[in-house]
C-alpha atoms as a PDB file:
ATOM      1  CA  MET A   1     -43.203  85.718 -59.011  1.00  0.00           C
ATOM      2  CA  HIS A   2     -41.179  85.667 -55.888  1.00  0.00           C
ATOM      3  CA  GLY A   3     -39.278  82.555 -54.948  1.00  0.00           C
ATOM      4  CA  ARG A   4     -38.552  81.399 -51.341  1.00  0.00           C
ATOM      5  CA  GLY A   5     -35.176  82.136 -49.926  1.00  0.00           C
ATOM      6  CA  LYS A   6     -32.830  79.176 -49.394  1.00  0.00           C
ATOM      7  CA  GLU A   7     -33.147  77.689 -45.894  1.00  0.00           C
ATOM      8  CA  LEU A   8     -29.924  77.397 -44.066  1.00  0.00           C
ATOM      9  CA  GLN A   9     -28.932  73.798 -43.597  1.00  0.00           C
ATOM     10  CA  PRO A  10     -26.910  72.641 -40.626  1.00  0.00           C
ATOM     11  CA  THR A  11     -23.413  71.875 -41.592  1.00  0.00           C
ATOM     12  CA  SER A  12     -21.510  68.629 -40.735  1.00  0.00           C
ATOM     13  CA  LEU A  13     -18.322  70.597 -40.188  1.00  0.00           C
ATOM     14  CA  ARG A  14     -17.682  70.831 -36.403  1.00  0.00           C
ATOM     15  CA  ILE A  15     -15.142  72.153 -34.008  1.00  0.00           C
ATOM     16  CA  ILE A  16     -13.239  69.293 -32.304  1.00  0.00           C
ATOM     17  CA  GLU A  17     -10.644  70.850 -29.994  1.00  0.00           C
ATOM     18  CA  ALA A  18      -8.507  73.823 -29.256  1.00  0.00           C
ATOM     19  CA  ALA A  19      -5.243  74.246 -31.208  1.00  0.00           C
ATOM     20  CA  VAL A  20      -2.327  76.699 -31.467  1.00  0.00           C
ATOM     21  CA  LEU A  21      -0.591  77.312 -34.826  1.00  0.00           C
ATOM     22  CA  ILE A  22       3.099  78.165 -35.003  1.00  0.00           C
ATOM     23  CA  ASN A  23       3.410  80.974 -37.562  1.00  0.00           C
ATOM     24  CA  ARG A  24       6.977  80.182 -38.711  1.00  0.00           C
ATOM     25  CA  THR A  25       6.299  76.433 -39.451  1.00  0.00           C
ATOM     26  CA  GLY A  26       2.625  76.155 -40.091  1.00  0.00           C
ATOM     27  CA  GLU A  27       2.535  73.382 -37.680  1.00  0.00           C
ATOM     28  CA  PHE A  28      -0.323  73.214 -35.212  1.00  0.00           C
ATOM     29  CA  PHE A  29      -0.715  71.615 -31.838  1.00  0.00           C
ATOM     30  CA  PRO A  30      -4.124  70.366 -30.591  1.00  0.00           C
ATOM     31  CA  GLY A  31      -5.286  70.070 -27.042  1.00  0.00           C
ATOM     32  CA  ALA A  32      -8.069  70.721 -24.465  1.00  0.00           C
ATOM     33  CA  LYS A  33      -7.109  74.366 -23.625  1.00  0.00           C
ATOM     34  CA  HIS A  34      -5.022  77.015 -25.258  1.00  0.00           C
ATOM     35  CA  ASP A  35      -2.959  77.855 -22.162  1.00  0.00           C
ATOM     36  CA  GLU A  36      -1.977  74.180 -21.817  1.00  0.00           C
ATOM     37  CA  ILE A  37      -0.975  74.067 -25.500  1.00  0.00           C
ATOM     38  CA  HIS A  38       1.133  77.256 -25.137  1.00  0.00           C
ATOM     39  CA  GLU A  39       2.924  75.670 -22.225  1.00  0.00           C
ATOM     40  CA  ARG A  40       3.604  72.465 -24.165  1.00  0.00           C
ATOM     41  CA  ILE A  41       4.928  74.574 -27.177  1.00  0.00           C
ATOM     42  CA  TYR A  42       7.166  76.736 -24.869  1.00  0.00           C
ATOM     43  CA  PHE A  43       8.876  73.613 -23.346  1.00  0.00           C
ATOM     44  CA  SER A  44       9.147  71.737 -26.554  1.00  0.00           C
ATOM     45  CA  HIS A  45      10.950  74.843 -28.097  1.00  0.00           C
ATOM     46  CA  GLY A  46      13.523  75.013 -25.392  1.00  0.00           C
ATOM     47  CA  GLY A  47      11.947  77.779 -23.453  1.00  0.00           C
ATOM     48  CA  ILE A  48      11.461  79.947 -26.526  1.00  0.00           C
ATOM     49  CA  LYS A  49       7.968  81.319 -27.244  1.00  0.00           C
ATOM     50  CA  PRO A  50       7.428  81.384 -30.999  1.00  0.00           C
ATOM     51  CA  LYS A  51       4.762  83.596 -32.651  1.00  0.00           C
ATOM     52  CA  THR A  52       1.530  81.693 -32.594  1.00  0.00           C
ATOM     53  CA  ILE A  53      -2.197  81.987 -33.443  1.00  0.00           C
ATOM     54  CA  ASP A  54      -4.865  80.475 -31.132  1.00  0.00           C
ATOM     55  CA  GLY A  55      -7.636  78.533 -32.894  1.00  0.00           C
ATOM     56  CA  PHE A  56      -9.232  75.211 -33.212  1.00  0.00           C
ATOM     57  CA  VAL A  57      -9.236  71.919 -35.137  1.00  0.00           C
ATOM     58  CA  THR A  58     -12.289  71.156 -37.280  1.00  0.00           C
ATOM     59  CA  SER A  59     -13.847  67.716 -37.924  1.00  0.00           C
ATOM     60  CA  GLU A  60     -11.988  67.654 -41.189  1.00  0.00           C
ATOM     61  CA  GLY A  61      -8.618  68.076 -39.529  1.00  0.00           C
ATOM     62  CA  TYR A  62      -8.038  71.701 -40.529  1.00  0.00           C
ATOM     63  CA  PHE A  63      -6.743  74.569 -38.246  1.00  0.00           C
ATOM     64  CA  VAL A  64      -9.047  77.646 -38.127  1.00  0.00           C
ATOM     65  CA  ASP A  65      -8.649  80.863 -36.111  1.00  0.00           C
ATOM     66  CA  ARG A  66     -10.959  81.783 -33.219  1.00  0.00           C
ATOM     67  CA  ARG A  67     -13.322  83.867 -35.337  1.00  0.00           C
ATOM     68  CA  THR A  68     -13.779  81.242 -38.028  1.00  0.00           C
ATOM     69  CA  ALA A  69     -14.353  78.596 -35.316  1.00  0.00           C
ATOM     70  CA  ALA A  70     -17.012  80.748 -33.735  1.00  0.00           C
ATOM     71  CA  MET A  71     -18.896  80.938 -37.094  1.00  0.00           C
ATOM     72  CA  ILE A  72     -18.584  77.153 -37.577  1.00  0.00           C
ATOM     73  CA  ALA A  73     -19.744  76.435 -33.919  1.00  0.00           C
ATOM     74  CA  LEU A  74     -22.652  78.770 -34.267  1.00  0.00           C
ATOM     75  CA  GLU A  75     -23.658  77.401 -37.613  1.00  0.00           C
ATOM     76  CA  CYS A  76     -23.691  73.740 -36.572  1.00  0.00           C
ATOM     77  CA  GLY A  77     -25.306  74.327 -33.206  1.00  0.00           C
ATOM     78  CA  GLN A  78     -22.366  73.485 -31.017  1.00  0.00           C
ATOM     79  CA  VAL A  79     -22.833  76.792 -29.217  1.00  0.00           C
ATOM     80  CA  LYS A  80     -25.848  79.255 -28.945  1.00  0.00           C
ATOM     81  CA  LYS A  81     -23.778  82.292 -28.402  1.00  0.00           C
ATOM     82  CA  ILE A  82     -20.157  83.646 -28.531  1.00  0.00           C
ATOM     83  CA  ASN A  83     -19.351  85.690 -25.469  1.00  0.00           C
ATOM     84  CA  ASN A  84     -16.820  87.937 -27.218  1.00  0.00           C
ATOM     85  CA  PRO A  85     -17.327  88.078 -30.940  1.00  0.00           C
ATOM     86  CA  LYS A  86     -14.270  90.198 -31.418  1.00  0.00           C
ATOM     87  CA  LEU A  87     -12.056  87.533 -29.922  1.00  0.00           C
ATOM     88  CA  GLY A  88     -13.994  84.544 -31.246  1.00  0.00           C
ATOM     89  CA  LEU A  89     -14.645  81.098 -29.864  1.00  0.00           C
ATOM     90  CA  THR A  90     -12.829  80.068 -26.555  1.00  0.00           C
ATOM     91  CA  SER A  91     -12.201  76.567 -25.365  1.00  0.00           C
ATOM     92  CA  SER A  92     -14.467  77.118 -22.417  1.00  0.00           C
ATOM     93  CA  GLU A  93     -17.496  77.866 -24.695  1.00  0.00           C
ATOM     94  CA  LEU A  94     -17.413  74.376 -26.250  1.00  0.00           C
END
């Protein structure tokens, strides 16, 4: 007897906004676009650009990288397609 496969259910987890994580501190800064966030970080760190990771904030308040954000956005139906799967989600795709 063959059972039916599990049907994928939409998730309630969503992508809220762009964010940039500072590697050294683990602190992340949310905002509308990554380039604007990088500029804010640069000036708030006295003109020094710390090592960072671009990503997004989820509806649960967690930072996720671009690729993870792409999977979440696709799974919950926020986007239909990711233009560059190697890069992951971009703020312009939301």
